[in-house]
Amino acid sequence: MAILPQGELDDNGTVGGYHRGRYLIEGSNVEIVWIHRQGSGGAFQDPRIDLNPLIFRDRVLDGWGWSHFDSRSEHWDLPIPEGPPGGGT
C-alpha cells in the first residue's frame, strides 16, 4: 500500500484513501482494497473496468487483479462492489 498514490476517499471504510472490504474467512482475516482511478473520487460505472482489487490475507498481500480475485472468489464467495461507497455513481 505504501507504493500506491493516496486515494481520494476519507471515511471509516477506507484504507489509504481507497474503499475496502473486510472478512473473516476460514479463520483468516481477508481484506480487499479496491483501487480506483486517480481523479475519479472513487466513483465507478463498471467495477471490472474502473477498479483493481488487491487481496490481503492476515495483513500480507495475497494477490491482485481480477484473475486473482476470481480464483479466490470461487472458494471464498467474495462480493463485487455494486456502487461506490455512500451510493451514487
PDB file of N, CA and C in Angstrom:
ATOM      1  N   MET A   1       0.817  -1.183   0.000  1.00  0.00           N
ATOM      2  CA  MET A   1       0.000   0.000   0.000  1.00  0.00           C
ATOM      3  C   MET A   1       0.866   1.255   0.000  1.00  0.00           C
ATOM      4  N   ALA A   2       2.053   1.161   0.560  1.00  0.00           N
ATOM      5  CA  ALA A   2       2.914   2.335   0.673  1.00  0.00           C
ATOM      6  C   ALA A   2       3.371   2.859  -0.693  1.00  0.00           C
ATOM      7  N   ILE A   3       3.391   2.015  -1.713  1.00  0.00           N
ATOM      8  CA  ILE A   3       3.866   2.481  -3.015  1.00  0.00           C
ATOM      9  C   ILE A   3       2.741   3.052  -3.887  1.00  0.00           C
ATOM     10  N   LEU A   4       1.491   2.909  -3.447  1.00  0.00           N
ATOM     11  CA  LEU A   4       0.361   3.442  -4.206  1.00  0.00           C
ATOM     12  C   LEU A   4       0.170   4.920  -3.907  1.00  0.00           C
ATOM     13  N   PRO A   5      -0.319   5.686  -4.878  1.00  0.00           N
ATOM     14  CA  PRO A   5      -0.654   7.082  -4.581  1.00  0.00           C
ATOM     15  C   PRO A   5      -1.824   7.114  -3.602  1.00  0.00           C
ATOM     16  N   GLN A   6      -1.920   8.150  -2.808  1.00  0.00           N
ATOM     17  CA  GLN A   6      -3.013   8.303  -1.862  1.00  0.00           C
ATOM     18  C   GLN A   6      -4.332   8.352  -2.622  1.00  0.00           C
ATOM     19  N   GLY A   7      -5.309   7.560  -2.179  1.00  0.00           N
ATOM     20  CA  GLY A   7      -6.639   7.595  -2.783  1.00  0.00           C
ATOM     21  C   GLY A   7      -7.390   8.839  -2.354  1.00  0.00           C
ATOM     22  N   GLU A   8      -8.566   9.017  -2.898  1.00  0.00           N
ATOM     23  CA  GLU A   8      -9.316  10.258  -2.690  1.00  0.00           C
ATOM     24  C   GLU A   8     -10.452  10.146  -1.678  1.00  0.00           C
ATOM     25  N   LEU A   9     -10.640   8.987  -1.090  1.00  0.00           N
ATOM     26  CA  LEU A   9     -11.731   8.805  -0.136  1.00  0.00           C
ATOM     27  C   LEU A   9     -11.213   8.989   1.276  1.00  0.00           C
ATOM     28  N   ASP A  10     -12.067   9.502   2.154  1.00  0.00           N
ATOM     29  CA  ASP A  10     -11.605   9.625   3.537  1.00  0.00           C
ATOM     30  C   ASP A  10     -12.740   9.391   4.530  1.00  0.00           C
ATOM     31  N   ASP A  11     -13.317   8.202   4.483  1.00  0.00           N
ATOM     32  CA  ASP A  11     -14.290   7.842   5.507  1.00  0.00           C
ATOM     33  C   ASP A  11     -13.801   6.603   6.238  1.00  0.00           C
ATOM     34  N   ASN A  12     -14.598   6.107   7.172  1.00  0.00           N
ATOM     35  CA  ASN A  12     -14.170   4.999   8.024  1.00  0.00           C
ATOM     36  C   ASN A  12     -13.991   3.673   7.289  1.00  0.00           C
ATOM     37  N   GLY A  13     -14.595   3.510   6.118  1.00  0.00           N
ATOM     38  CA  GLY A  13     -14.480   2.260   5.379  1.00  0.00           C
ATOM     39  C   GLY A  13     -13.330   2.239   4.404  1.00  0.00           C
ATOM     40  N   THR A  14     -12.342   3.108   4.604  1.00  0.00           N
ATOM     41  CA  THR A  14     -11.252   3.190   3.638  1.00  0.00           C
ATOM     42  C   THR A  14      -9.906   2.893   4.289  1.00  0.00           C
ATOM     43  N   VAL A  15      -8.947   2.617   3.440  1.00  0.00           N
ATOM     44  CA  VAL A  15      -7.557   2.487   3.850  1.00  0.00           C
ATOM     45  C   VAL A  15      -6.726   3.150   2.756  1.00  0.00           C
ATOM     46  N   GLY A  16      -5.881   4.066   3.133  1.00  0.00           N
ATOM     47  CA  GLY A  16      -5.062   4.784   2.156  1.00  0.00           C
ATOM     48  C   GLY A  16      -5.883   5.576   1.158  1.00  0.00           C
ATOM     49  N   GLY A  17      -7.137   5.886   1.503  1.00  0.00           N
ATOM     50  CA  GLY A  17      -7.998   6.629   0.593  1.00  0.00           C
ATOM     51  C   GLY A  17      -8.748   5.760  -0.408  1.00  0.00           C
ATOM     52  N   TYR A  18      -8.738   4.439  -0.206  1.00  0.00           N
ATOM     53  CA  TYR A  18      -9.427   3.503  -1.085  1.00  0.00           C
ATOM     54  C   TYR A  18     -10.451   2.706  -0.285  1.00  0.00           C
ATOM     55  N   HIS A  19     -11.576   2.361  -0.919  1.00  0.00           N
ATOM     56  CA  HIS A  19     -12.600   1.555  -0.277  1.00  0.00           C
ATOM     57  C   HIS A  19     -12.041   0.157   0.011  1.00  0.00           C
ATOM     58  N   ARG A  20     -12.496  -0.427   1.098  1.00  0.00           N
ATOM     59  CA  ARG A  20     -12.047  -1.781   1.423  1.00  0.00           C
ATOM     60  C   ARG A  20     -13.199  -2.598   1.975  1.00  0.00           C
ATOM     61  N   GLY A  21     -13.073  -3.894   1.822  1.00  0.00           N
ATOM     62  CA  GLY A  21     -13.982  -4.853   2.435  1.00  0.00           C
ATOM     63  C   GLY A  21     -13.167  -5.743   3.350  1.00  0.00           C
ATOM     64  N   ARG A  22     -13.729  -6.051   4.521  1.00  0.00           N
ATOM     65  CA  ARG A  22     -13.019  -6.896   5.487  1.00  0.00           C
ATOM     66  C   ARG A  22     -13.882  -8.092   5.831  1.00  0.00           C
ATOM     67  N   TYR A  23     -13.251  -9.293   5.841  1.00  0.00           N
ATOM     68  CA  TYR A  23     -13.986 -10.528   6.030  1.00  0.00           C
ATOM     69  C   TYR A  23     -13.168 -11.493   6.877  1.00  0.00           C
ATOM     70  N   LEU A  24     -13.861 -12.356   7.622  1.00  0.00           N
ATOM     71  CA  LEU A  24     -13.218 -13.459   8.327  1.00  0.00           C
ATOM     72  C   LEU A  24     -13.563 -14.714   7.541  1.00  0.00           C
ATOM     73  N   ILE A  25     -12.546 -15.313   6.919  1.00  0.00           N
ATOM     74  CA  ILE A  25     -12.758 -16.461   6.042  1.00  0.00           C
ATOM     75  C   ILE A  25     -11.798 -17.574   6.433  1.00  0.00           C
ATOM     76  N   GLU A  26     -12.369 -18.739   6.727  1.00  0.00           N
ATOM     77  CA  GLU A  26     -11.567 -19.912   7.090  1.00  0.00           C
ATOM     78  C   GLU A  26     -10.554 -19.579   8.177  1.00  0.00           C
ATOM     79  N   GLY A  27     -10.938 -18.776   9.151  1.00  0.00           N
ATOM     80  CA  GLY A  27     -10.069 -18.418  10.267  1.00  0.00           C
ATOM     81  C   GLY A  27      -9.029 -17.358   9.952  1.00  0.00           C
ATOM     82  N   SER A  28      -9.059 -16.802   8.748  1.00  0.00           N
ATOM     83  CA  SER A  28      -8.108 -15.760   8.351  1.00  0.00           C
ATOM     84  C   SER A  28      -8.834 -14.438   8.149  1.00  0.00           C
ATOM     85  N   ASN A  29      -8.129 -13.346   8.430  1.00  0.00           N
ATOM     86  CA  ASN A  29      -8.641 -12.020   8.117  1.00  0.00           C
ATOM     87  C   ASN A  29      -8.313 -11.713   6.668  1.00  0.00           C
ATOM     88  N   VAL A  30      -9.348 -11.492   5.872  1.00  0.00           N
ATOM     89  CA  VAL A  30      -9.179 -11.182   4.453  1.00  0.00           C
ATOM     90  C   VAL A  30      -9.660  -9.752   4.248  1.00  0.00           C
ATOM     91  N   GLU A  31      -8.836  -8.969   3.571  1.00  0.00           N
ATOM     92  CA  GLU A  31      -9.184  -7.589   3.277  1.00  0.00           C
ATOM     93  C   GLU A  31      -8.999  -7.363   1.782  1.00  0.00           C
ATOM     94  N   ILE A  32     -10.008  -6.764   1.157  1.00  0.00           N
ATOM     95  CA  ILE A  32      -9.911  -6.410  -0.261  1.00  0.00           C
ATOM     96  C   ILE A  32      -9.887  -4.896  -0.336  1.00  0.00           C
ATOM     97  N   VAL A  33      -8.853  -4.363  -0.946  1.00  0.00           N
ATOM     98  CA  VAL A  33      -8.737  -2.928  -1.165  1.00  0.00           C
ATOM     99  C   VAL A  33      -9.039  -2.702  -2.644  1.00  0.00           C
ATOM    100  N   TRP A  34     -10.033  -1.841  -2.892  1.00  0.00           N
ATOM    101  CA  TRP A  34     -10.484  -1.568  -4.256  1.00  0.00           C
ATOM    102  C   TRP A  34      -9.816  -0.300  -4.759  1.00  0.00           C
ATOM    103  N   ILE A  35      -8.807  -0.458  -5.594  1.00  0.00           N
ATOM    104  CA  ILE A  35      -8.062   0.678  -6.127  1.00  0.00           C
ATOM    105  C   ILE A  35      -8.861   1.301  -7.267  1.00  0.00           C
ATOM    106  N   HIS A  36      -9.125   2.603  -7.146  1.00  0.00           N
ATOM    107  CA  HIS A  36      -9.868   3.314  -8.187  1.00  0.00           C
ATOM    108  C   HIS A  36      -8.923   4.214  -8.976  1.00  0.00           C
ATOM    109  N   ARG A  37      -9.394   4.674 -10.094  1.00  0.00           N
ATOM    110  CA  ARG A  37      -8.600   5.575 -10.942  1.00  0.00           C
ATOM    111  C   ARG A  37      -8.436   6.915 -10.251  1.00  0.00           C
ATOM    112  N   GLN A  38      -7.241   7.461 -10.325  1.00  0.00           N
ATOM    113  CA  GLN A  38      -6.983   8.787  -9.765  1.00  0.00           C
ATOM    114  C   GLN A  38      -7.875   9.806 -10.469  1.00  0.00           C
ATOM    115  N   GLY A  39      -8.438  10.704  -9.695  1.00  0.00           N
ATOM    116  CA  GLY A  39      -9.314  11.738 -10.237  1.00  0.00           C
ATOM    117  C   GLY A  39     -10.775  11.337 -10.308  1.00  0.00           C
ATOM    118  N   SER A  40     -11.082  10.067 -10.025  1.00  0.00           N
ATOM    119  CA  SER A  40     -12.472   9.603 -10.108  1.00  0.00           C
ATOM    120  C   SER A  40     -13.242   9.856  -8.822  1.00  0.00           C
ATOM    121  N   GLY A  41     -12.533  10.149  -7.733  1.00  0.00           N
ATOM    122  CA  GLY A  41     -13.188  10.321  -6.449  1.00  0.00           C
ATOM    123  C   GLY A  41     -13.793   9.031  -5.927  1.00  0.00           C
ATOM    124  N   GLY A  42     -13.382   7.911  -6.488  1.00  0.00           N
ATOM    125  CA  GLY A  42     -13.901   6.613  -6.064  1.00  0.00           C
ATOM    126  C   GLY A  42     -15.153   6.182  -6.816  1.00  0.00           C
ATOM    127  N   ALA A  43     -15.693   7.056  -7.668  1.00  0.00           N
ATOM    128  CA  ALA A  43     -16.889   6.712  -8.440  1.00  0.00           C
ATOM    129  C   ALA A  43     -16.517   5.748  -9.567  1.00  0.00           C
ATOM    130  N   PHE A  44     -17.431   4.849  -9.885  1.00  0.00           N
ATOM    131  CA  PHE A  44     -17.193   3.925 -10.982  1.00  0.00           C
ATOM    132  C   PHE A  44     -18.507   3.500 -11.610  1.00  0.00           C
ATOM    133  N   GLN A  45     -18.431   3.132 -12.865  1.00  0.00           N
ATOM    134  CA  GLN A  45     -19.584   2.606 -13.587  1.00  0.00           C
ATOM    135  C   GLN A  45     -19.558   1.078 -13.593  1.00  0.00           C
ATOM    136  N   ASP A  46     -18.417   0.516 -13.953  1.00  0.00           N
ATOM    137  CA  ASP A  46     -18.251  -0.934 -14.046  1.00  0.00           C
ATOM    138  C   ASP A  46     -17.044  -1.323 -13.197  1.00  0.00           C
ATOM    139  N   PRO A  47     -17.253  -2.049 -12.105  1.00  0.00           N
ATOM    140  CA  PRO A  47     -16.121  -2.368 -11.234  1.00  0.00           C
ATOM    141  C   PRO A  47     -15.001  -3.124 -11.940  1.00  0.00           C
ATOM    142  N   ARG A  48     -15.331  -3.957 -12.920  1.00  0.00           N
ATOM    143  CA  ARG A  48     -14.301  -4.744 -13.616  1.00  0.00           C
ATOM    144  C   ARG A  48     -13.459  -3.901 -14.548  1.00  0.00           C
ATOM    145  N   ILE A  49     -13.915  -2.710 -14.853  1.00  0.00           N
ATOM    146  CA  ILE A  49     -13.143  -1.801 -15.690  1.00  0.00           C
ATOM    147  C   ILE A  49     -12.490  -0.700 -14.853  1.00  0.00           C
ATOM    148  N   ASP A  50     -13.229  -0.187 -13.890  1.00  0.00           N
ATOM    149  CA  ASP A  50     -12.805   1.000 -13.154  1.00  0.00           C
ATOM    150  C   ASP A  50     -12.086   0.728 -11.843  1.00  0.00           C
ATOM    151  N   LEU A  51     -12.090  -0.529 -11.361  1.00  0.00           N
ATOM    152  CA  LEU A  51     -11.450  -0.868 -10.086  1.00  0.00           C
ATOM    153  C   LEU A  51     -10.450  -2.004 -10.274  1.00  0.00           C
ATOM    154  N   ASN A  52      -9.475  -2.053  -9.383  1.00  0.00           N
ATOM    155  CA  ASN A  52      -8.496  -3.138  -9.364  1.00  0.00           C
ATOM    156  C   ASN A  52      -8.427  -3.665  -7.937  1.00  0.00           C
ATOM    157  N   PRO A  53      -8.787  -4.935  -7.706  1.00  0.00           N
ATOM    158  CA  PRO A  53      -8.766  -5.472  -6.346  1.00  0.00           C
ATOM    159  C   PRO A  53      -7.371  -5.911  -5.907  1.00  0.00           C
ATOM    160  N   LEU A  54      -7.021  -5.543  -4.668  1.00  0.00           N
ATOM    161  CA  LEU A  54      -5.827  -6.055  -4.002  1.00  0.00           C
ATOM    162  C   LEU A  54      -6.329  -6.889  -2.830  1.00  0.00           C
ATOM    163  N   ILE A  55      -5.881  -8.127  -2.716  1.00  0.00           N
ATOM    164  CA  ILE A  55      -6.360  -9.021  -1.672  1.00  0.00           C
ATOM    165  C   ILE A  55      -5.233  -9.279  -0.675  1.00  0.00           C
ATOM    166  N   PHE A  56      -5.545  -9.017   0.589  1.00  0.00           N
ATOM    167  CA  PHE A  56      -4.620  -9.272   1.684  1.00  0.00           C
ATOM    168  C   PHE A  56      -5.212 -10.376   2.548  1.00  0.00           C
ATOM    169  N   ARG A  57      -4.368 -11.301   2.978  1.00  0.00           N
ATOM    170  CA  ARG A  57      -4.788 -12.365   3.893  1.00  0.00           C
ATOM    171  C   ARG A  57      -3.878 -12.287   5.106  1.00  0.00           C
ATOM    172  N   ASP A  58      -4.490 -12.059   6.264  1.00  0.00           N
ATOM    173  CA  ASP A  58      -3.737 -11.871   7.516  1.00  0.00           C
ATOM    174  C   ASP A  58      -2.657 -10.804   7.341  1.00  0.00           C
ATOM    175  N   ARG A  59      -3.037  -9.686   6.719  1.00  0.00           N
ATOM    176  CA  ARG A  59      -2.207  -8.489   6.551  1.00  0.00           C
ATOM    177  C   ARG A  59      -1.042  -8.652   5.571  1.00  0.00           C
ATOM    178  N   VAL A  60      -1.014  -9.752   4.828  1.00  0.00           N
ATOM    179  CA  VAL A  60       0.031  -9.994   3.828  1.00  0.00           C
ATOM    180  C   VAL A  60      -0.641 -10.019   2.455  1.00  0.00           C
ATOM    181  N   LEU A  61      -0.023  -9.355   1.477  1.00  0.00           N
ATOM    182  CA  LEU A  61      -0.592  -9.327   0.130  1.00  0.00           C
ATOM    183  C   LEU A  61      -0.702 -10.751  -0.405  1.00  0.00           C
ATOM    184  N   ASP A  62      -1.921 -11.144  -0.741  1.00  0.00           N
ATOM    185  CA  ASP A  62      -2.201 -12.470  -1.279  1.00  0.00           C
ATOM    186  C   ASP A  62      -2.155 -12.445  -2.803  1.00  0.00           C
ATOM    187  N   GLY A  63      -2.563 -11.310  -3.399  1.00  0.00           N
ATOM    188  CA  GLY A  63      -2.551 -11.165  -4.844  1.00  0.00           C
ATOM    189  C   GLY A  63      -3.382  -9.972  -5.260  1.00  0.00           C
ATOM    190  N   TRP A  64      -3.400  -9.695  -6.563  1.00  0.00           N
ATOM    191  CA  TRP A  64      -4.142  -8.542  -7.062  1.00  0.00           C
ATOM    192  C   TRP A  64      -4.672  -8.842  -8.451  1.00  0.00           C
ATOM    193  N   GLY A  65      -5.607  -8.001  -8.878  1.00  0.00           N
ATOM    194  CA  GLY A  65      -6.189  -8.124 -10.209  1.00  0.00           C
ATOM    195  C   GLY A  65      -7.406  -9.025 -10.214  1.00  0.00           C
ATOM    196  N   TRP A  66      -8.155  -8.918 -11.296  1.00  0.00           N
ATOM    197  CA  TRP A  66      -9.412  -9.650 -11.397  1.00  0.00           C
ATOM    198  C   TRP A  66      -9.219 -11.152 -11.540  1.00  0.00           C
ATOM    199  N   SER A  67      -8.166 -11.584 -12.167  1.00  0.00           N
ATOM    200  CA  SER A  67      -7.917 -13.017 -12.294  1.00  0.00           C
ATOM    201  C   SER A  67      -7.722 -13.648 -10.917  1.00  0.00           C
ATOM    202  N   HIS A  68      -6.923 -12.979 -10.080  1.00  0.00           N
ATOM    203  CA  HIS A  68      -6.698 -13.493  -8.726  1.00  0.00           C
ATOM    204  C   HIS A  68      -7.980 -13.404  -7.902  1.00  0.00           C
ATOM    205  N   PHE A  69      -8.693 -12.286  -8.017  1.00  0.00           N
ATOM    206  CA  PHE A  69      -9.954 -12.126  -7.296  1.00  0.00           C
ATOM    207  C   PHE A  69     -10.919 -13.256  -7.666  1.00  0.00           C
ATOM    208  N   ASP A  70     -11.063 -13.518  -8.961  1.00  0.00           N
ATOM    209  CA  ASP A  70     -11.989 -14.554  -9.411  1.00  0.00           C
ATOM    210  C   ASP A  70     -11.606 -15.928  -8.870  1.00  0.00           C
ATOM    211  N   SER A  71     -10.317 -16.236  -8.843  1.00  0.00           N
ATOM    212  CA  SER A  71      -9.900 -17.548  -8.326  1.00  0.00           C
ATOM    213  C   SER A  71     -10.178 -17.657  -6.830  1.00  0.00           C
ATOM    214  N   ARG A  72      -9.969 -16.578  -6.092  1.00  0.00           N
ATOM    215  CA  ARG A  72     -10.270 -16.588  -4.658  1.00  0.00           C
ATOM    216  C   ARG A  72     -11.772 -16.592  -4.407  1.00  0.00           C
ATOM    217  N   SER A  73     -12.503 -15.872  -5.214  1.00  0.00           N
ATOM    218  CA  SER A  73     -13.943 -15.763  -5.029  1.00  0.00           C
ATOM    219  C   SER A  73     -14.646 -17.111  -5.208  1.00  0.00           C
ATOM    220  N   GLU A  74     -14.096 -17.971  -6.049  1.00  0.00           N
ATOM    221  CA  GLU A  74     -14.671 -19.300  -6.226  1.00  0.00           C
ATOM    222  C   GLU A  74     -14.719 -20.059  -4.906  1.00  0.00           C
ATOM    223  N   HIS A  75     -13.716 -19.881  -4.052  1.00  0.00           N
ATOM    224  CA  HIS A  75     -13.644 -20.592  -2.777  1.00  0.00           C
ATOM    225  C   HIS A  75     -14.193 -19.769  -1.620  1.00  0.00           C
ATOM    226  N   TRP A  76     -14.056 -18.465  -1.681  1.00  0.00           N
ATOM    227  CA  TRP A  76     -14.407 -17.615  -0.552  1.00  0.00           C
ATOM    228  C   TRP A  76     -15.712 -16.846  -0.740  1.00  0.00           C
ATOM    229  N   ASP A  77     -16.317 -16.893  -1.910  1.00  0.00           N
ATOM    230  CA  ASP A  77     -17.567 -16.190  -2.196  1.00  0.00           C
ATOM    231  C   ASP A  77     -17.457 -14.696  -1.884  1.00  0.00           C
ATOM    232  N   LEU A  78     -16.473 -14.048  -2.480  1.00  0.00           N
ATOM    233  CA  LEU A  78     -16.218 -12.623  -2.243  1.00  0.00           C
ATOM    234  C   LEU A  78     -17.187 -11.756  -3.046  1.00  0.00           C
ATOM    235  N   PRO A  79     -17.701 -10.680  -2.440  1.00  0.00           N
ATOM    236  CA  PRO A  79     -18.617  -9.799  -3.165  1.00  0.00           C
ATOM    237  C   PRO A  79     -17.873  -8.800  -4.052  1.00  0.00           C
ATOM    238  N   ILE A  80     -18.525  -8.424  -5.146  1.00  0.00           N
ATOM    239  CA  ILE A  80     -18.018  -7.374  -6.039  1.00  0.00           C
ATOM    240  C   ILE A  80     -18.810  -6.115  -5.731  1.00  0.00           C
ATOM    241  N   PRO A  81     -18.151  -4.971  -5.583  1.00  0.00           N
ATOM    242  CA  PRO A  81     -18.887  -3.731  -5.302  1.00  0.00           C
ATOM    243  C   PRO A  81     -19.921  -3.432  -6.398  1.00  0.00           C
ATOM    244  N   GLU A  82     -21.103  -3.001  -5.944  1.00  0.00           N
ATOM    245  CA  GLU A  82     -22.172  -2.662  -6.888  1.00  0.00           C
ATOM    246  C   GLU A  82     -22.233  -1.172  -7.136  1.00  0.00           C
ATOM    247  N   GLY A  83     -21.618  -0.384  -6.286  1.00  0.00           N
ATOM    248  CA  GLY A  83     -21.620   1.055  -6.430  1.00  0.00           C
ATOM    249  C   GLY A  83     -20.582   1.630  -5.483  1.00  0.00           C
ATOM    250  N   PRO A  84     -20.227   2.871  -5.654  1.00  0.00           N
ATOM    251  CA  PRO A  84     -19.212   3.465  -4.785  1.00  0.00           C
ATOM    252  C   PRO A  84     -19.706   3.610  -3.362  1.00  0.00           C
ATOM    253  N   PRO A  85     -18.790   3.695  -2.402  1.00  0.00           N
ATOM    254  CA  PRO A  85     -19.189   3.894  -1.014  1.00  0.00           C
ATOM    255  C   PRO A  85     -20.085   5.117  -0.891  1.00  0.00           C
ATOM    256  N   GLY A  86     -21.155   4.999  -0.131  1.00  0.00           N
ATOM    257  CA  GLY A  86     -22.070   6.113   0.073  1.00  0.00           C
ATOM    258  C   GLY A  86     -23.119   6.231  -1.022  1.00  0.00           C
ATOM    259  N   GLY A  87     -23.154   5.295  -1.987  1.00  0.00           N
ATOM    260  CA  GLY A  87     -24.153   5.337  -3.048  1.00  0.00           C
ATOM    261  C   GLY A  87     -23.755   6.260  -4.176  1.00  0.00           C
ATOM    262  N   GLY A  88     -24.595   6.377  -5.165  1.00  0.00           N
ATOM    263  CA  GLY A  88     -24.327   7.225  -6.325  1.00  0.00           C
ATOM    264  C   GLY A  88     -23.360   6.571  -7.277  1.00  0.00           C
ATOM    265  N   THR A  89     -23.097   7.244  -8.395  1.00  0.00           N
ATOM    266  CA  THR A  89     -22.112   6.731  -9.357  1.00  0.00           C
ATOM    267  C   THR A  89     -21.203   7.823  -9.817  1.00  0.00           C
TER     268      THR A  89
END
